[in-house]
Amino acid sequence: MMITDDRLSPDSRDFVAALASGLEVLQAFDQQHPRMTLSEVAAKTGMDRAKARRFLLTLHALGYLDKQQRHFALTPRVLQLGNAFLAANPYRVVIQHYLEEITREIGESTSLGVLDGDDVVYIARSAAEHRLMAIRLSVGTRLPAAYTSMGRVLLAQLPEAELAACLARVSLQAHTEHSITDKAELRRAIEQVRRQGYAIVDQELDSGLRSVAVPAFDQRGQLLGAINISTNAARVDMSTLTGRFLPLLQDKARLIRESLQG
């Protein structure tokens, strides 16, 4: 399942700005900002204090935010929003099964991600014992699509016009010394993924992080997302990644397709 950019523009008469602002306030809370004051929320969202205050108090009244003196924090009720997506996409259960099979077989972490704008959003994951990145990856984690193997697989699936629009707006930065920072080079990398059907990203987002990804489809050929295997470059060399991990990933993608009756 891919989230596309066929959507209303903010200046459309059908665009509900208040709803958009309320969601922006919810999304302002993250791992680095689990509790914030009114002033902090206003600064993070770019809203004036009066507007931010109305949204915070409304979300508090609806049960999505907790308020302790001057600080606000998300409540477990927010999980209902994510659970609605997960419940509406039962293919996750099938894919989760195969992700866990991969982890048991090779002892590496594996994930399912979908494209949301310029990011990959993790919607299923089987984590190995060893931790690969400074941040903890879990369902709901967002990473820049340009610097992840799943992201490049999903970008390669986009129609040409959507890919061109994405490349025009994306901001590239050197996360490591290996990161692609030239848009023409990124396009060439994505075109290579289109030709070969898989993506390998080697230490472009985080030093030592190496991963391979392939697309996952149902029996009708509908794109569900991308699945990957991520590992440590010091532990797994490229020949193992391409000679063992990639065929395993491709085989699981085939089983996913066969298991899901469209």
C-alpha atoms as a PDB file:
ATOM      1  CA  MET A   1       0.000   0.000   0.000  1.00  0.00           C
ATOM      2  CA  MET A   2       1.482   3.322  -1.056  1.00  0.00           C
ATOM      3  CA  ILE A   3       0.269   6.705   0.130  1.00  0.00           C
ATOM      4  CA  THR A   4       0.302   8.961  -2.939  1.00  0.00           C
ATOM      5  CA  ASP A   5       0.306  12.725  -3.423  1.00  0.00           C
ATOM      6  CA  ASP A   6      -3.105  12.839  -5.158  1.00  0.00           C
ATOM      7  CA  ARG A   7      -4.509  15.060  -2.428  1.00  0.00           C
ATOM      8  CA  LEU A   8      -6.086  18.454  -1.812  1.00  0.00           C
ATOM      9  CA  SER A   9      -3.914  21.536  -1.661  1.00  0.00           C
ATOM     10  CA  PRO A  10      -4.208  23.688   1.480  1.00  0.00           C
ATOM     11  CA  ASP A  11      -5.889  26.467  -0.503  1.00  0.00           C
ATOM     12  CA  SER A  12      -8.740  24.206  -1.669  1.00  0.00           C
ATOM     13  CA  ARG A  13     -12.225  25.128  -0.382  1.00  0.00           C
ATOM     14  CA  ASP A  14     -12.601  21.524   0.807  1.00  0.00           C
ATOM     15  CA  PHE A  15      -9.426  21.643   2.915  1.00  0.00           C
ATOM     16  CA  VAL A  16     -10.258  21.813   6.643  1.00  0.00           C
ATOM     17  CA  ALA A  17      -7.442  23.889   8.109  1.00  0.00           C
ATOM     18  CA  ALA A  18      -8.530  23.361  11.728  1.00  0.00           C
ATOM     19  CA  LEU A  19      -8.333  19.579  11.344  1.00  0.00           C
ATOM     20  CA  ALA A  20      -4.900  19.861   9.746  1.00  0.00           C
ATOM     21  CA  SER A  21      -3.667  22.068  12.592  1.00  0.00           C
ATOM     22  CA  GLY A  22      -4.990  19.682  15.226  1.00  0.00           C
ATOM     23  CA  LEU A  23      -3.140  16.783  13.631  1.00  0.00           C
ATOM     24  CA  GLU A  24      -0.008  18.935  13.394  1.00  0.00           C
ATOM     25  CA  VAL A  25      -0.153  19.493  17.140  1.00  0.00           C
ATOM     26  CA  LEU A  26      -0.435  15.734  17.781  1.00  0.00           C
ATOM     27  CA  GLN A  27       2.504  15.049  15.475  1.00  0.00           C
ATOM     28  CA  ALA A  28       4.650  17.623  17.278  1.00  0.00           C
ATOM     29  CA  PHE A  29       5.092  15.149  20.152  1.00  0.00           C
ATOM     30  CA  ASP A  30       7.846  12.624  19.475  1.00  0.00           C
ATOM     31  CA  GLN A  31      10.696  10.749  21.120  1.00  0.00           C
ATOM     32  CA  GLN A  32      12.676  13.943  21.634  1.00  0.00           C
ATOM     33  CA  HIS A  33       9.620  15.936  22.775  1.00  0.00           C
ATOM     34  CA  PRO A  34       7.382  13.623  24.847  1.00  0.00           C
ATOM     35  CA  ARG A  35       6.194  16.477  27.107  1.00  0.00           C
ATOM     36  CA  MET A  36       5.860  20.091  26.036  1.00  0.00           C
ATOM     37  CA  THR A  37       4.513  23.379  27.310  1.00  0.00           C
ATOM     38  CA  LEU A  38       2.181  25.609  25.315  1.00  0.00           C
ATOM     39  CA  SER A  39       5.122  27.803  24.319  1.00  0.00           C
ATOM     40  CA  GLU A  40       7.127  24.806  23.122  1.00  0.00           C
ATOM     41  CA  VAL A  41       4.240  23.451  21.032  1.00  0.00           C
ATOM     42  CA  ALA A  42       3.653  26.884  19.511  1.00  0.00           C
ATOM     43  CA  ALA A  43       7.329  27.201  18.615  1.00  0.00           C
ATOM     44  CA  LYS A  44       7.567  23.668  17.184  1.00  0.00           C
ATOM     45  CA  THR A  45       4.451  24.016  15.011  1.00  0.00           C
ATOM     46  CA  GLY A  46       4.923  27.675  14.067  1.00  0.00           C
ATOM     47  CA  MET A  47       1.496  28.585  15.475  1.00  0.00           C
ATOM     48  CA  ASP A  48       0.764  31.608  17.606  1.00  0.00           C
ATOM     49  CA  ARG A  49       0.176  30.853  21.285  1.00  0.00           C
ATOM     50  CA  ALA A  50      -3.581  31.505  21.204  1.00  0.00           C
ATOM     51  CA  LYS A  51      -4.140  29.083  18.334  1.00  0.00           C
ATOM     52  CA  ALA A  52      -1.889  26.399  19.823  1.00  0.00           C
ATOM     53  CA  ARG A  53      -3.678  26.782  23.183  1.00  0.00           C
ATOM     54  CA  ARG A  54      -7.096  26.127  21.619  1.00  0.00           C
ATOM     55  CA  PHE A  55      -5.915  22.976  19.913  1.00  0.00           C
ATOM     56  CA  LEU A  56      -4.097  21.684  22.993  1.00  0.00           C
ATOM     57  CA  LEU A  57      -7.142  22.211  25.202  1.00  0.00           C
ATOM     58  CA  THR A  58      -9.461  20.625  22.624  1.00  0.00           C
ATOM     59  CA  LEU A  59      -7.237  17.560  22.282  1.00  0.00           C
ATOM     60  CA  HIS A  60      -7.062  17.392  26.070  1.00  0.00           C
ATOM     61  CA  ALA A  61     -10.870  17.503  26.270  1.00  0.00           C
ATOM     62  CA  LEU A  62     -11.090  14.675  23.700  1.00  0.00           C
ATOM     63  CA  GLY A  63      -8.679  12.535  25.720  1.00  0.00           C
ATOM     64  CA  TYR A  64      -5.741  12.578  23.293  1.00  0.00           C
ATOM     65  CA  LEU A  65      -3.540  14.714  25.549  1.00  0.00           C
ATOM     66  CA  ASP A  66      -2.798  14.647  29.243  1.00  0.00           C
ATOM     67  CA  LYS A  67      -2.150  17.924  31.074  1.00  0.00           C
ATOM     68  CA  GLN A  68       0.033  18.170  34.148  1.00  0.00           C
ATOM     69  CA  GLN A  69       0.389  21.790  35.282  1.00  0.00           C
ATOM     70  CA  ARG A  70       2.088  23.526  32.310  1.00  0.00           C
ATOM     71  CA  HIS A  71       3.024  20.399  30.386  1.00  0.00           C
ATOM     72  CA  PHE A  72       1.078  18.370  27.824  1.00  0.00           C
ATOM     73  CA  ALA A  73       1.757  14.767  26.770  1.00  0.00           C
ATOM     74  CA  LEU A  74       0.108  12.192  24.515  1.00  0.00           C
ATOM     75  CA  THR A  75      -2.259   9.661  26.098  1.00  0.00           C
ATOM     76  CA  PRO A  76      -2.687   5.994  25.082  1.00  0.00           C
ATOM     77  CA  ARG A  77      -5.873   7.002  23.262  1.00  0.00           C
ATOM     78  CA  VAL A  78      -3.683   8.214  20.386  1.00  0.00           C
ATOM     79  CA  LEU A  79      -2.898   4.551  19.707  1.00  0.00           C
ATOM     80  CA  GLN A  80      -6.460   4.092  18.468  1.00  0.00           C
ATOM     81  CA  LEU A  81      -5.571   6.143  15.402  1.00  0.00           C
ATOM     82  CA  GLY A  82      -2.687   3.863  14.482  1.00  0.00           C
ATOM     83  CA  ASN A  83      -4.601   0.712  15.376  1.00  0.00           C
ATOM     84  CA  ALA A  84      -7.351   1.698  12.952  1.00  0.00           C
ATOM     85  CA  PHE A  85      -4.816   1.625  10.116  1.00  0.00           C
ATOM     86  CA  LEU A  86      -3.373  -1.694  11.242  1.00  0.00           C
ATOM     87  CA  ALA A  87      -6.811  -3.292  11.614  1.00  0.00           C
ATOM     88  CA  ALA A  88      -7.842  -2.079   8.162  1.00  0.00           C
ATOM     89  CA  ASN A  89      -4.786  -3.725   6.571  1.00  0.00           C
ATOM     90  CA  PRO A  90      -4.897  -7.418   7.574  1.00  0.00           C
ATOM     91  CA  TYR A  91      -2.059  -8.310   5.171  1.00  0.00           C
ATOM     92  CA  ARG A  92       0.278  -7.131   7.952  1.00  0.00           C
ATOM     93  CA  VAL A  93      -0.361 -10.367   9.842  1.00  0.00           C
ATOM     94  CA  VAL A  94       0.810 -12.434   6.867  1.00  0.00           C
ATOM     95  CA  ILE A  95       3.874 -10.282   6.294  1.00  0.00           C
ATOM     96  CA  GLN A  96       4.742 -10.226  10.001  1.00  0.00           C
ATOM     97  CA  HIS A  97       4.869 -14.031   9.903  1.00  0.00           C
ATOM     98  CA  TYR A  98       7.459 -14.006   7.125  1.00  0.00           C
ATOM     99  CA  LEU A  99       9.467 -11.215   8.730  1.00  0.00           C
ATOM    100  CA  GLU A 100       9.760 -13.281  11.889  1.00  0.00           C
ATOM    101  CA  GLU A 101      10.790 -16.300   9.818  1.00  0.00           C
ATOM    102  CA  ILE A 102      13.653 -14.288   8.351  1.00  0.00           C
ATOM    103  CA  THR A 103      14.836 -13.147  11.784  1.00  0.00           C
ATOM    104  CA  ARG A 104      14.759 -16.719  13.111  1.00  0.00           C
ATOM    105  CA  GLU A 105      16.682 -18.002  10.102  1.00  0.00           C
ATOM    106  CA  ILE A 106      19.489 -15.425   9.874  1.00  0.00           C
ATOM    107  CA  GLY A 107      19.299 -13.509  13.156  1.00  0.00           C
ATOM    108  CA  GLU A 108      18.845 -10.104  11.508  1.00  0.00           C
ATOM    109  CA  SER A 109      16.186  -7.404  11.794  1.00  0.00           C
ATOM    110  CA  THR A 110      13.616  -7.099   9.036  1.00  0.00           C
ATOM    111  CA  SER A 111      10.782  -4.652   8.394  1.00  0.00           C
ATOM    112  CA  LEU A 112       7.850  -3.646   6.219  1.00  0.00           C
ATOM    113  CA  GLY A 113       7.573   0.005   5.235  1.00  0.00           C
ATOM    114  CA  VAL A 114       5.288   2.193   3.148  1.00  0.00           C
ATOM    115  CA  LEU A 115       5.900   5.550   1.530  1.00  0.00           C
ATOM    116  CA  ASP A 116       4.337   8.635   3.094  1.00  0.00           C
ATOM    117  CA  GLY A 117       5.451  11.777   1.309  1.00  0.00           C
ATOM    118  CA  ASP A 118       9.251  11.813   1.403  1.00  0.00           C
ATOM    119  CA  ASP A 119       9.497   9.351   4.295  1.00  0.00           C
ATOM    120  CA  VAL A 120       9.278   5.624   4.832  1.00  0.00           C
ATOM    121  CA  VAL A 121       6.943   4.670   7.673  1.00  0.00           C
ATOM    122  CA  TYR A 122       7.557   1.336   9.419  1.00  0.00           C
ATOM    123  CA  ILE A 123       4.290  -0.621   9.726  1.00  0.00           C
ATOM    124  CA  ALA A 124       5.668  -4.058  10.706  1.00  0.00           C
ATOM    125  CA  ARG A 125       8.987  -5.151  12.159  1.00  0.00           C
ATOM    126  CA  SER A 126      10.818  -8.179  13.479  1.00  0.00           C
ATOM    127  CA  ALA A 127      13.785  -7.005  15.509  1.00  0.00           C
ATOM    128  CA  ALA A 128      16.947  -8.979  16.170  1.00  0.00           C
ATOM    129  CA  GLU A 129      18.667  -8.797  19.526  1.00  0.00           C
ATOM    130  CA  HIS A 130      21.469  -6.547  18.301  1.00  0.00           C
ATOM    131  CA  ARG A 131      20.592  -2.888  17.876  1.00  0.00           C
ATOM    132  CA  LEU A 132      21.672  -1.286  14.609  1.00  0.00           C
ATOM    133  CA  MET A 133      20.969   2.432  14.973  1.00  0.00           C
ATOM    134  CA  ALA A 134      21.181   5.093  17.646  1.00  0.00           C
ATOM    135  CA  ILE A 135      17.393   5.491  17.416  1.00  0.00           C
ATOM    136  CA  ARG A 136      15.118   2.583  18.251  1.00  0.00           C
ATOM    137  CA  LEU A 137      13.203   1.431  15.192  1.00  0.00           C
ATOM    138  CA  SER A 138       9.596   0.373  15.757  1.00  0.00           C
ATOM    139  CA  VAL A 139       6.184   0.476  14.116  1.00  0.00           C
ATOM    140  CA  GLY A 140       5.503   4.132  13.326  1.00  0.00           C
ATOM    141  CA  THR A 141       9.152   5.134  12.912  1.00  0.00           C
ATOM    142  CA  ARG A 142       9.735   7.502   9.995  1.00  0.00           C
ATOM    143  CA  LEU A 143      13.011   7.683   8.062  1.00  0.00           C
ATOM    144  CA  PRO A 144      13.953   9.631   4.915  1.00  0.00           C
ATOM    145  CA  ALA A 145      13.068   7.528   1.873  1.00  0.00           C
ATOM    146  CA  ALA A 146      16.100   8.746  -0.082  1.00  0.00           C
ATOM    147  CA  TYR A 147      18.507   7.123   2.387  1.00  0.00           C
ATOM    148  CA  THR A 148      16.832   3.775   3.082  1.00  0.00           C
ATOM    149  CA  SER A 149      16.663   0.627   0.977  1.00  0.00           C
ATOM    150  CA  MET A 150      12.894   0.376   1.493  1.00  0.00           C
ATOM    151  CA  GLY A 151      12.519   4.010   0.518  1.00  0.00           C
ATOM    152  CA  ARG A 152      14.399   3.599  -2.747  1.00  0.00           C
ATOM    153  CA  VAL A 153      12.389   0.500  -3.627  1.00  0.00           C
ATOM    154  CA  LEU A 154       9.175   2.447  -3.062  1.00  0.00           C
ATOM    155  CA  LEU A 155      10.424   5.508  -4.940  1.00  0.00           C
ATOM    156  CA  ALA A 156      11.264   3.226  -7.854  1.00  0.00           C
ATOM    157  CA  GLN A 157       7.617   2.117  -7.950  1.00  0.00           C
ATOM    158  CA  LEU A 158       6.321   5.665  -8.407  1.00  0.00           C
ATOM    159  CA  PRO A 159       5.029   6.875 -11.777  1.00  0.00           C
ATOM    160  CA  GLU A 160       7.571   9.132 -13.466  1.00  0.00           C
ATOM    161  CA  ALA A 161       5.688  12.363 -12.720  1.00  0.00           C
ATOM    162  CA  GLU A 162       5.424  11.575  -9.006  1.00  0.00           C
ATOM    163  CA  LEU A 163       9.087  10.583  -8.812  1.00  0.00           C
ATOM    164  CA  ALA A 164      10.120  13.802 -10.542  1.00  0.00           C
ATOM    165  CA  ALA A 165       8.031  15.846  -8.099  1.00  0.00           C
ATOM    166  CA  CYS A 166       9.561  14.014  -5.152  1.00  0.00           C
ATOM    167  CA  LEU A 167      13.111  14.561  -6.382  1.00  0.00           C
ATOM    168  CA  ALA A 168      12.376  18.225  -7.003  1.00  0.00           C
ATOM    169  CA  ARG A 169      11.281  18.897  -3.429  1.00  0.00           C
ATOM    170  CA  VAL A 170      13.434  16.467  -1.430  1.00  0.00           C
ATOM    171  CA  SER A 171      16.292  17.879   0.613  1.00  0.00           C
ATOM    172  CA  LEU A 172      19.448  15.768   0.537  1.00  0.00           C
ATOM    173  CA  GLN A 173      22.030  15.866   3.286  1.00  0.00           C
ATOM    174  CA  ALA A 174      25.186  14.032   4.228  1.00  0.00           C
ATOM    175  CA  HIS A 175      24.147  11.785   7.104  1.00  0.00           C
ATOM    176  CA  THR A 176      27.458   9.942   6.670  1.00  0.00           C
ATOM    177  CA  GLU A 177      30.427  10.166   4.335  1.00  0.00           C
ATOM    178  CA  HIS A 178      28.678   7.631   2.080  1.00  0.00           C
ATOM    179  CA  SER A 179      25.427   9.594   1.649  1.00  0.00           C
ATOM    180  CA  ILE A 180      24.274  10.610  -1.820  1.00  0.00           C
ATOM    181  CA  THR A 181      23.851  14.369  -1.853  1.00  0.00           C
ATOM    182  CA  ASP A 182      23.399  14.965  -5.597  1.00  0.00           C
ATOM    183  CA  LYS A 183      19.862  14.604  -6.985  1.00  0.00           C
ATOM    184  CA  ALA A 184      21.062  13.353 -10.363  1.00  0.00           C
ATOM    185  CA  GLU A 185      23.020  10.615  -8.625  1.00  0.00           C
ATOM    186  CA  LEU A 186      19.987   9.717  -6.522  1.00  0.00           C
ATOM    187  CA  ARG A 187      17.848   9.443  -9.658  1.00  0.00           C
ATOM    188  CA  ARG A 188      20.419   7.120 -11.229  1.00  0.00           C
ATOM    189  CA  ALA A 189      20.360   4.967  -8.084  1.00  0.00           C
ATOM    190  CA  ILE A 190      16.547   4.776  -8.205  1.00  0.00           C
ATOM    191  CA  GLU A 191      16.579   3.919 -11.917  1.00  0.00           C
ATOM    192  CA  GLN A 192      19.001   1.100 -11.140  1.00  0.00           C
ATOM    193  CA  VAL A 193      16.555  -0.181  -8.506  1.00  0.00           C
ATOM    194  CA  ARG A 194      13.801  -0.126 -11.163  1.00  0.00           C
ATOM    195  CA  ARG A 195      15.926  -2.258 -13.470  1.00  0.00           C
ATOM    196  CA  GLN A 196      17.118  -4.816 -10.937  1.00  0.00           C
ATOM    197  CA  GLY A 197      14.066  -5.021  -8.670  1.00  0.00           C
ATOM    198  CA  TYR A 198      15.854  -4.481  -5.361  1.00  0.00           C
ATOM    199  CA  ALA A 199      17.790  -1.807  -3.485  1.00  0.00           C
ATOM    200  CA  ILE A 200      20.936  -1.915  -1.384  1.00  0.00           C
ATOM    201  CA  VAL A 201      21.845   1.074   0.758  1.00  0.00           C
ATOM    202  CA  ASP A 202      25.251   0.884   2.378  1.00  0.00           C
ATOM    203  CA  GLN A 203      25.877   3.187   5.356  1.00  0.00           C
ATOM    204  CA  GLU A 204      24.174   6.247   3.856  1.00  0.00           C
ATOM    205  CA  LEU A 205      21.850   6.969   6.778  1.00  0.00           C
ATOM    206  CA  ASP A 206      23.872   5.647   9.692  1.00  0.00           C
ATOM    207  CA  SER A 207      27.507   4.506   9.816  1.00  0.00           C
ATOM    208  CA  GLY A 208      27.645   0.723   9.930  1.00  0.00           C
ATOM    209  CA  LEU A 209      24.038   0.235   8.782  1.00  0.00           C
ATOM    210  CA  ARG A 210      23.705  -1.844   5.614  1.00  0.00           C
ATOM    211  CA  SER A 211      20.368  -3.026   4.199  1.00  0.00           C
ATOM    212  CA  VAL A 212      18.673  -4.659   1.236  1.00  0.00           C
ATOM    213  CA  ALA A 213      14.998  -4.325   0.270  1.00  0.00           C
ATOM    214  CA  VAL A 214      12.507  -5.650  -2.283  1.00  0.00           C
ATOM    215  CA  PRO A 215       8.897  -4.693  -3.053  1.00  0.00           C
ATOM    216  CA  ALA A 216       6.011  -6.730  -1.634  1.00  0.00           C
ATOM    217  CA  PHE A 217       2.854  -7.265  -3.703  1.00  0.00           C
ATOM    218  CA  ASP A 218      -0.431  -9.123  -3.304  1.00  0.00           C
ATOM    219  CA  GLN A 219      -1.713 -11.593  -5.916  1.00  0.00           C
ATOM    220  CA  ARG A 220      -3.317  -8.811  -7.951  1.00  0.00           C
ATOM    221  CA  GLY A 221       0.037  -7.076  -8.226  1.00  0.00           C
ATOM    222  CA  GLN A 222      -0.969  -4.293  -5.842  1.00  0.00           C
ATOM    223  CA  LEU A 223       2.010  -2.826  -4.029  1.00  0.00           C
ATOM    224  CA  LEU A 224       1.791  -3.397  -0.279  1.00  0.00           C
ATOM    225  CA  GLY A 225       5.109  -1.825   0.644  1.00  0.00           C
ATOM    226  CA  ALA A 226       8.747  -2.835   0.792  1.00  0.00           C
ATOM    227  CA  ILE A 227      10.417  -5.430   3.000  1.00  0.00           C
ATOM    228  CA  ASN A 228      14.037  -5.261   4.023  1.00  0.00           C
ATOM    229  CA  ILE A 229      16.814  -6.925   5.958  1.00  0.00           C
ATOM    230  CA  SER A 230      19.086  -4.546   7.859  1.00  0.00           C
ATOM    231  CA  THR A 231      22.410  -5.505   9.334  1.00  0.00           C
ATOM    232  CA  ASN A 232      25.778  -4.276  10.544  1.00  0.00           C
ATOM    233  CA  ALA A 233      28.378  -3.700   7.826  1.00  0.00           C
ATOM    234  CA  ALA A 234      31.166  -4.941  10.080  1.00  0.00           C
ATOM    235  CA  ARG A 235      29.361  -8.234  10.647  1.00  0.00           C
ATOM    236  CA  VAL A 236      27.874  -8.930   7.197  1.00  0.00           C
ATOM    237  CA  ASP A 237      29.821  -8.275   3.995  1.00  0.00           C
ATOM    238  CA  MET A 238      28.272  -7.337   0.671  1.00  0.00           C
ATOM    239  CA  SER A 239      28.686 -10.814  -0.795  1.00  0.00           C
ATOM    240  CA  THR A 240      26.590 -12.269   2.030  1.00  0.00           C
ATOM    241  CA  LEU A 241      24.026  -9.519   1.618  1.00  0.00           C
ATOM    242  CA  THR A 242      23.622 -10.173  -2.105  1.00  0.00           C
ATOM    243  CA  GLY A 243      24.329 -13.902  -2.157  1.00  0.00           C
ATOM    244  CA  ARG A 244      22.282 -15.042   0.852  1.00  0.00           C
ATOM    245  CA  PHE A 245      20.077 -12.278   2.234  1.00  0.00           C
ATOM    246  CA  LEU A 246      18.718 -10.966  -1.075  1.00  0.00           C
ATOM    247  CA  PRO A 247      17.538 -14.378  -2.382  1.00  0.00           C
ATOM    248  CA  LEU A 248      15.935 -15.080   1.011  1.00  0.00           C
ATOM    249  CA  LEU A 249      14.107 -11.744   0.890  1.00  0.00           C
ATOM    250  CA  GLN A 250      12.950 -12.356  -2.677  1.00  0.00           C
ATOM    251  CA  ASP A 251      11.664 -15.791  -1.716  1.00  0.00           C
ATOM    252  CA  LYS A 252       9.661 -14.360   1.199  1.00  0.00           C
ATOM    253  CA  ALA A 253       8.227 -11.669  -1.099  1.00  0.00           C
ATOM    254  CA  ARG A 254       7.083 -14.459  -3.434  1.00  0.00           C
ATOM    255  CA  LEU A 255       5.478 -16.338  -0.531  1.00  0.00           C
ATOM    256  CA  ILE A 256       3.718 -13.169   0.622  1.00  0.00           C
ATOM    257  CA  ARG A 257       2.253 -12.707  -2.840  1.00  0.00           C
ATOM    258  CA  GLU A 258       1.106 -16.313  -2.999  1.00  0.00           C
ATOM    259  CA  SER A 259      -0.372 -16.186   0.500  1.00  0.00           C
ATOM    260  CA  LEU A 260      -2.488 -13.098  -0.115  1.00  0.00           C
ATOM    261  CA  GLN A 261      -5.555 -13.854  -2.189  1.00  0.00           C
ATOM    262  CA  GLY A 262      -6.297 -10.559  -3.895  1.00  0.00           C
END
